[in-house]
């Protein structure tokens, strides 16, 4: 199954958006907004910043697997 690896992250503080390529083999726990430099962390119950702030969930979740 082919999984979408592009996701648009939206910073909850400044609303800046940027398209990023998600890693296929790991979850990303931290992400620094290039605009306001806020360090994003996953929300409670989410495995990574893409699941919390991205337009597409991470590959692990899309494939129905546990997070890495």
N, C-alpha and C. Protein backbone atom coordinates (compact mmCIF):
# COMPACT_ATOMS: atom_id res chain seq x y z
N UNK A 1 0.84 -1.19 0.00
CA UNK A 1 0.00 0.00 0.00
C UNK A 1 0.88 1.25 0.00
N UNK A 2 0.59 2.17 -0.89
CA UNK A 2 1.34 3.43 -0.95
C UNK A 2 0.71 4.43 0.02
N UNK A 3 1.55 5.05 0.81
CA UNK A 3 1.09 6.00 1.82
C UNK A 3 1.53 7.40 1.45
N UNK A 4 0.65 8.36 1.64
CA UNK A 4 0.98 9.78 1.40
C UNK A 4 2.03 10.21 2.42
N UNK A 5 3.14 10.76 1.94
CA UNK A 5 4.22 11.19 2.84
C UNK A 5 4.29 12.70 3.01
N UNK A 6 3.49 13.43 2.26
CA UNK A 6 3.47 14.89 2.38
C UNK A 6 2.33 15.30 3.32
N UNK A 7 2.62 16.22 4.21
CA UNK A 7 1.62 16.71 5.14
C UNK A 7 1.87 18.20 5.37
N UNK A 8 0.81 18.96 5.51
CA UNK A 8 0.95 20.39 5.79
C UNK A 8 0.80 20.58 7.30
N UNK A 9 1.87 21.03 7.93
CA UNK A 9 1.84 21.30 9.37
C UNK A 9 1.38 22.74 9.58
N UNK A 10 0.43 22.91 10.49
CA UNK A 10 -0.06 24.24 10.85
C UNK A 10 0.32 24.52 12.30
N UNK A 11 1.08 25.58 12.51
CA UNK A 11 1.49 25.96 13.86
C UNK A 11 0.25 26.48 14.61
N UNK A 12 -0.03 25.95 15.80
CA UNK A 12 -1.19 26.40 16.55
C UNK A 12 -1.03 27.81 17.13
N UNK A 13 0.21 28.29 17.22
CA UNK A 13 0.46 29.61 17.79
C UNK A 13 0.30 30.72 16.75
N UNK A 14 0.99 30.60 15.62
CA UNK A 14 0.99 31.68 14.62
C UNK A 14 0.22 31.33 13.35
N UNK A 15 -0.25 30.07 13.23
CA UNK A 15 -1.02 29.58 12.08
C UNK A 15 -0.19 29.46 10.79
N UNK A 16 1.13 29.58 10.90
CA UNK A 16 2.00 29.38 9.74
C UNK A 16 1.85 27.95 9.24
N UNK A 17 1.81 27.78 7.93
CA UNK A 17 1.67 26.45 7.33
C UNK A 17 2.84 26.17 6.40
N UNK A 18 3.27 24.92 6.42
CA UNK A 18 4.35 24.49 5.53
C UNK A 18 4.18 23.01 5.23
N UNK A 19 4.46 22.66 3.97
CA UNK A 19 4.39 21.25 3.59
C UNK A 19 5.72 20.58 3.93
N UNK A 20 5.64 19.45 4.59
CA UNK A 20 6.82 18.69 4.98
C UNK A 20 6.66 17.24 4.52
N UNK A 21 7.77 16.56 4.37
CA UNK A 21 7.77 15.14 4.06
C UNK A 21 7.95 14.38 5.37
N UNK A 22 7.01 13.49 5.66
CA UNK A 22 7.07 12.72 6.90
C UNK A 22 8.05 11.56 6.78
N UNK A 23 8.73 11.22 7.88
CA UNK A 23 9.59 10.04 7.86
C UNK A 23 8.73 8.78 7.77
N UNK A 24 9.20 7.79 7.03
CA UNK A 24 8.44 6.55 6.85
C UNK A 24 8.66 5.57 7.99
N UNK A 25 9.78 5.69 8.68
CA UNK A 25 10.16 4.66 9.64
C UNK A 25 10.27 5.14 11.08
N UNK A 26 9.73 6.30 11.38
CA UNK A 26 9.76 6.80 12.75
C UNK A 26 8.73 7.90 12.92
N UNK A 27 8.38 8.15 14.17
CA UNK A 27 7.47 9.25 14.49
C UNK A 27 8.29 10.48 14.85
N UNK A 28 7.78 11.63 14.53
CA UNK A 28 8.48 12.88 14.85
C UNK A 28 7.81 13.50 16.07
N UNK A 29 8.55 13.56 17.17
CA UNK A 29 8.00 14.02 18.43
C UNK A 29 8.10 15.53 18.63
N UNK A 30 9.03 16.17 17.94
CA UNK A 30 9.21 17.61 18.07
C UNK A 30 9.33 18.24 16.69
N UNK A 31 8.85 19.46 16.58
CA UNK A 31 8.94 20.20 15.33
C UNK A 31 8.99 21.69 15.67
N UNK A 32 9.98 22.41 15.15
CA UNK A 32 10.09 23.85 15.41
C UNK A 32 9.50 24.63 14.24
N UNK A 33 8.53 25.48 14.55
CA UNK A 33 7.92 26.34 13.54
C UNK A 33 8.98 27.30 13.00
N UNK A 34 9.12 27.34 11.68
CA UNK A 34 10.13 28.21 11.09
C UNK A 34 9.76 29.69 11.19
N UNK A 35 8.49 29.98 11.45
CA UNK A 35 8.04 31.37 11.53
C UNK A 35 8.20 31.96 12.94
N UNK A 36 7.61 31.30 13.94
CA UNK A 36 7.63 31.86 15.31
C UNK A 36 8.56 31.09 16.26
N UNK A 37 9.15 30.00 15.78
CA UNK A 37 10.10 29.18 16.52
C UNK A 37 9.51 28.45 17.73
N UNK A 38 8.19 28.33 17.77
CA UNK A 38 7.55 27.51 18.79
C UNK A 38 7.88 26.05 18.51
N UNK A 39 8.24 25.32 19.56
CA UNK A 39 8.51 23.90 19.42
C UNK A 39 7.21 23.14 19.67
N UNK A 40 6.74 22.45 18.64
CA UNK A 40 5.51 21.69 18.75
C UNK A 40 5.79 20.29 19.26
N UNK A 41 4.90 19.81 20.11
CA UNK A 41 4.95 18.44 20.64
C UNK A 41 3.58 17.83 20.38
N UNK A 42 3.49 16.50 20.29
CA UNK A 42 2.20 15.87 20.04
C UNK A 42 1.18 16.19 21.16
N UNK A 43 -0.07 16.31 20.76
CA UNK A 43 -1.14 16.49 21.74
C UNK A 43 -1.36 15.17 22.47
N UNK A 44 -1.96 15.25 23.64
CA UNK A 44 -2.26 14.05 24.43
C UNK A 44 -3.03 13.04 23.56
N UNK A 45 -2.55 11.81 23.52
CA UNK A 45 -3.20 10.76 22.75
C UNK A 45 -2.70 10.61 21.33
N UNK A 46 -1.93 11.58 20.83
CA UNK A 46 -1.35 11.48 19.48
C UNK A 46 0.08 11.00 19.58
N UNK A 47 0.54 10.32 18.52
CA UNK A 47 1.89 9.75 18.55
C UNK A 47 2.96 10.71 18.07
N UNK A 48 2.59 11.70 17.26
CA UNK A 48 3.61 12.57 16.69
C UNK A 48 3.00 13.92 16.29
N UNK A 49 3.86 14.84 15.88
CA UNK A 49 3.40 16.18 15.50
C UNK A 49 2.53 16.16 14.24
N UNK A 50 2.75 15.18 13.35
CA UNK A 50 1.91 15.10 12.15
C UNK A 50 0.49 14.69 12.48
N UNK A 51 0.33 13.80 13.45
CA UNK A 51 -1.01 13.38 13.86
C UNK A 51 -1.73 14.53 14.57
N UNK A 52 -0.99 15.40 15.24
CA UNK A 52 -1.59 16.52 15.97
C UNK A 52 -1.81 17.76 15.12
N UNK A 53 -0.85 18.10 14.26
CA UNK A 53 -0.89 19.39 13.55
C UNK A 53 -0.82 19.28 12.03
N UNK A 54 -0.74 18.06 11.51
CA UNK A 54 -0.62 17.88 10.07
C UNK A 54 -1.94 17.66 9.37
N UNK A 55 -1.93 17.87 8.08
CA UNK A 55 -3.12 17.64 7.26
C UNK A 55 -3.32 16.16 6.95
N UNK A 56 -2.25 15.37 7.14
CA UNK A 56 -2.28 13.93 6.92
C UNK A 56 -1.65 13.27 8.13
N UNK A 57 -2.28 12.20 8.63
CA UNK A 57 -1.72 11.45 9.76
C UNK A 57 -0.42 10.77 9.32
N UNK A 58 0.40 10.38 10.29
CA UNK A 58 1.70 9.77 9.98
C UNK A 58 1.53 8.40 9.32
N UNK A 59 2.56 7.93 8.60
CA UNK A 59 2.48 6.65 7.91
C UNK A 59 2.12 5.47 8.82
N UNK A 60 2.62 5.45 10.04
CA UNK A 60 2.30 4.35 10.96
C UNK A 60 0.81 4.25 11.20
N UNK A 61 0.17 5.35 11.46
CA UNK A 61 -1.26 5.38 11.73
C UNK A 61 -2.04 5.03 10.47
N UNK A 62 -1.63 5.58 9.32
CA UNK A 62 -2.32 5.30 8.06
C UNK A 62 -2.28 3.82 7.70
N UNK A 63 -1.20 3.14 8.09
CA UNK A 63 -1.07 1.72 7.80
C UNK A 63 -1.68 0.83 8.88
N UNK A 64 -2.19 1.46 9.96
CA UNK A 64 -2.81 0.71 11.04
C UNK A 64 -1.82 0.07 11.97
N UNK A 65 -0.60 0.57 11.99
CA UNK A 65 0.46 0.03 12.85
C UNK A 65 0.62 0.87 14.11
N UNK A 66 1.37 0.33 15.05
CA UNK A 66 1.76 1.12 16.21
C UNK A 66 2.82 2.11 15.79
N UNK A 67 2.94 3.17 16.55
CA UNK A 67 3.98 4.16 16.24
C UNK A 67 5.34 3.63 16.62
N UNK A 68 6.35 4.14 15.95
CA UNK A 68 7.72 3.69 16.20
C UNK A 68 8.32 4.44 17.36
